[in-house]
């Protein structure tokens, strides 16, 4: 009877908010958890959000990158609602992809300067699909 209640876990989505504190311990703990995910055999998406804001989501343009490339940008923040949208998008868009990335948002006007073809912010799904096509991913294996 127990077999009919088993659910296969297909995708693991991990939002790293612990490591926003710069202590050596939290970084070590983060790397430990990432390694466990890498070795689990599960498909995963690891999201490293910038500073979290309590503002409405879907207003600003997503920016995704790896290897701390976003540290050069100011401000480096994202709404909690936008992080949630990325996590939900990862369940469908990043299916069977192992990917880890940093994410922030920027005002739509600043994003338009970089890409004048866009007038409204792209959805989390669209941004994640575009990012996956680049083949980028952060690697935090010990």
Protein backbone atom coordinates (compact mmCIF):
# COMPACT_ATOMS: atom_id res chain seq x y z
CA UNK A 1 0.00 0.00 0.00
CA UNK A 2 2.83 2.40 0.78
CA UNK A 3 4.08 2.24 -2.82
CA UNK A 4 1.09 4.09 -4.18
CA UNK A 5 2.00 7.10 -2.02
CA UNK A 6 5.57 7.37 -3.24
CA UNK A 7 6.28 10.48 -5.25
CA UNK A 8 9.35 10.74 -7.44
CA UNK A 9 11.21 14.01 -6.93
CA UNK A 10 12.19 15.23 -10.38
CA UNK A 11 13.60 18.70 -9.73
CA UNK A 12 15.16 20.42 -6.76
CA UNK A 13 14.91 24.21 -6.53
CA UNK A 14 17.07 25.82 -3.87
CA UNK A 15 17.00 29.54 -3.14
CA UNK A 16 20.12 30.55 -1.30
CA UNK A 17 19.30 33.37 1.07
CA UNK A 18 21.43 32.18 3.98
CA UNK A 19 24.69 33.17 2.31
CA UNK A 20 23.77 36.84 2.14
CA UNK A 21 25.53 37.05 5.48
CA UNK A 22 29.21 37.11 4.76
CA UNK A 23 30.42 34.87 7.55
CA UNK A 24 32.84 32.10 6.65
CA UNK A 25 30.53 29.57 8.33
CA UNK A 26 27.51 30.41 6.15
CA UNK A 27 29.63 30.21 2.97
CA UNK A 28 30.99 26.82 4.03
CA UNK A 29 27.46 25.62 4.84
CA UNK A 30 26.24 26.85 1.45
CA UNK A 31 29.02 24.97 -0.37
CA UNK A 32 28.23 21.85 1.67
CA UNK A 33 24.56 21.96 0.65
CA UNK A 34 25.41 22.67 -3.01
CA UNK A 35 27.73 19.66 -3.09
CA UNK A 36 25.00 17.47 -1.63
CA UNK A 37 22.63 18.65 -4.36
CA UNK A 38 25.26 18.07 -7.09
CA UNK A 39 25.88 14.53 -5.87
CA UNK A 40 22.21 13.66 -5.33
CA UNK A 41 21.49 12.73 -8.94
CA UNK A 42 18.43 15.01 -8.91
CA UNK A 43 17.95 17.75 -11.47
CA UNK A 44 18.43 21.05 -9.72
CA UNK A 45 18.16 24.81 -10.02
CA UNK A 46 20.05 26.85 -7.43
CA UNK A 47 18.98 30.49 -7.27
CA UNK A 48 21.24 33.06 -5.57
CA UNK A 49 19.11 36.20 -5.16
CA UNK A 50 20.55 39.62 -4.43
CA UNK A 51 19.30 41.61 -1.46
CA UNK A 52 15.65 40.80 -0.86
CA UNK A 53 13.01 43.56 -0.98
CA UNK A 54 9.39 43.54 0.15
CA UNK A 55 8.07 45.12 -3.04
CA UNK A 56 5.61 43.88 -5.69
CA UNK A 57 6.99 41.48 -8.28
CA UNK A 58 6.79 41.70 -12.05
CA UNK A 59 7.64 45.40 -12.16
CA UNK A 60 11.37 45.30 -12.80
CA UNK A 61 13.48 43.46 -15.37
CA UNK A 62 15.26 40.26 -14.29
CA UNK A 63 19.03 40.04 -14.68
CA UNK A 64 20.62 36.59 -14.37
CA UNK A 65 24.33 35.78 -14.45
CA UNK A 66 27.01 33.63 -12.79
CA UNK A 67 30.31 33.90 -10.95
CA UNK A 68 29.48 37.11 -9.08
CA UNK A 69 29.27 39.14 -12.32
CA UNK A 70 26.34 41.04 -10.81
CA UNK A 71 28.47 42.41 -7.97
CA UNK A 72 29.43 45.28 -10.27
CA UNK A 73 25.81 46.46 -10.48
CA UNK A 74 24.13 48.85 -8.07
CA UNK A 75 21.67 48.27 -6.55
CA UNK A 76 21.87 44.47 -6.29
CA UNK A 77 18.40 43.62 -5.08
CA UNK A 78 15.28 41.70 -6.07
CA UNK A 79 11.77 41.47 -4.67
CA UNK A 80 10.78 38.33 -2.79
CA UNK A 81 7.88 37.97 -5.24
CA UNK A 82 10.28 37.94 -8.20
CA UNK A 83 12.44 35.26 -6.55
CA UNK A 84 9.28 33.19 -6.03
CA UNK A 85 8.38 33.64 -9.72
CA UNK A 86 11.85 32.42 -10.74
CA UNK A 87 11.54 29.38 -8.46
CA UNK A 88 8.17 28.44 -9.96
CA UNK A 89 9.49 29.04 -13.50
CA UNK A 90 12.43 26.76 -12.75
CA UNK A 91 10.07 23.86 -12.14
CA UNK A 92 8.84 23.97 -15.73
CA UNK A 93 11.44 25.82 -17.78
CA UNK A 94 14.60 24.38 -16.23
CA UNK A 95 13.22 20.84 -16.24
CA UNK A 96 16.08 18.35 -16.51
CA UNK A 97 18.73 21.08 -16.51
CA UNK A 98 21.27 21.44 -13.75
CA UNK A 99 21.78 25.16 -13.36
CA UNK A 100 22.90 27.63 -10.71
CA UNK A 101 22.74 31.41 -11.12
CA UNK A 102 22.71 34.80 -9.44
CA UNK A 103 19.68 37.05 -9.92
CA UNK A 104 18.69 40.66 -9.35
CA UNK A 105 16.23 43.04 -10.95
CA UNK A 106 16.66 46.49 -12.38
CA UNK A 107 14.24 49.26 -13.21
CA UNK A 108 12.59 48.73 -16.61
CA UNK A 109 14.05 52.04 -17.86
CA UNK A 110 17.62 50.85 -17.18
CA UNK A 111 16.92 47.54 -18.91
CA UNK A 112 15.46 49.35 -21.93
CA UNK A 113 18.73 51.27 -22.35
CA UNK A 114 20.58 47.94 -22.65
CA UNK A 115 17.97 46.37 -24.95
CA UNK A 116 15.76 48.94 -26.66
CA UNK A 117 13.55 46.24 -28.22
CA UNK A 118 11.83 45.56 -24.87
CA UNK A 119 9.12 47.81 -23.47
CA UNK A 120 7.71 45.60 -20.71
CA UNK A 121 9.63 43.36 -18.36
CA UNK A 122 9.96 39.75 -19.56
CA UNK A 123 8.34 37.07 -17.45
CA UNK A 124 10.45 34.84 -15.22
CA UNK A 125 9.86 31.98 -17.68
CA UNK A 126 11.10 34.00 -20.66
CA UNK A 127 14.19 35.24 -18.84
CA UNK A 128 15.05 31.76 -17.57
CA UNK A 129 14.60 30.24 -21.04
CA UNK A 130 16.93 32.87 -22.51
CA UNK A 131 19.49 32.28 -19.77
CA UNK A 132 19.44 28.50 -20.23
CA UNK A 133 20.19 28.94 -23.95
CA UNK A 134 23.48 30.62 -22.96
CA UNK A 135 24.62 27.43 -21.24
CA UNK A 136 25.98 29.32 -18.23
CA UNK A 137 25.97 27.90 -14.71
CA UNK A 138 27.85 28.61 -11.50
CA UNK A 139 30.00 25.78 -10.20
CA UNK A 140 30.47 25.54 -6.47
CA UNK A 141 31.82 22.00 -6.26
CA UNK A 142 34.34 21.52 -3.47
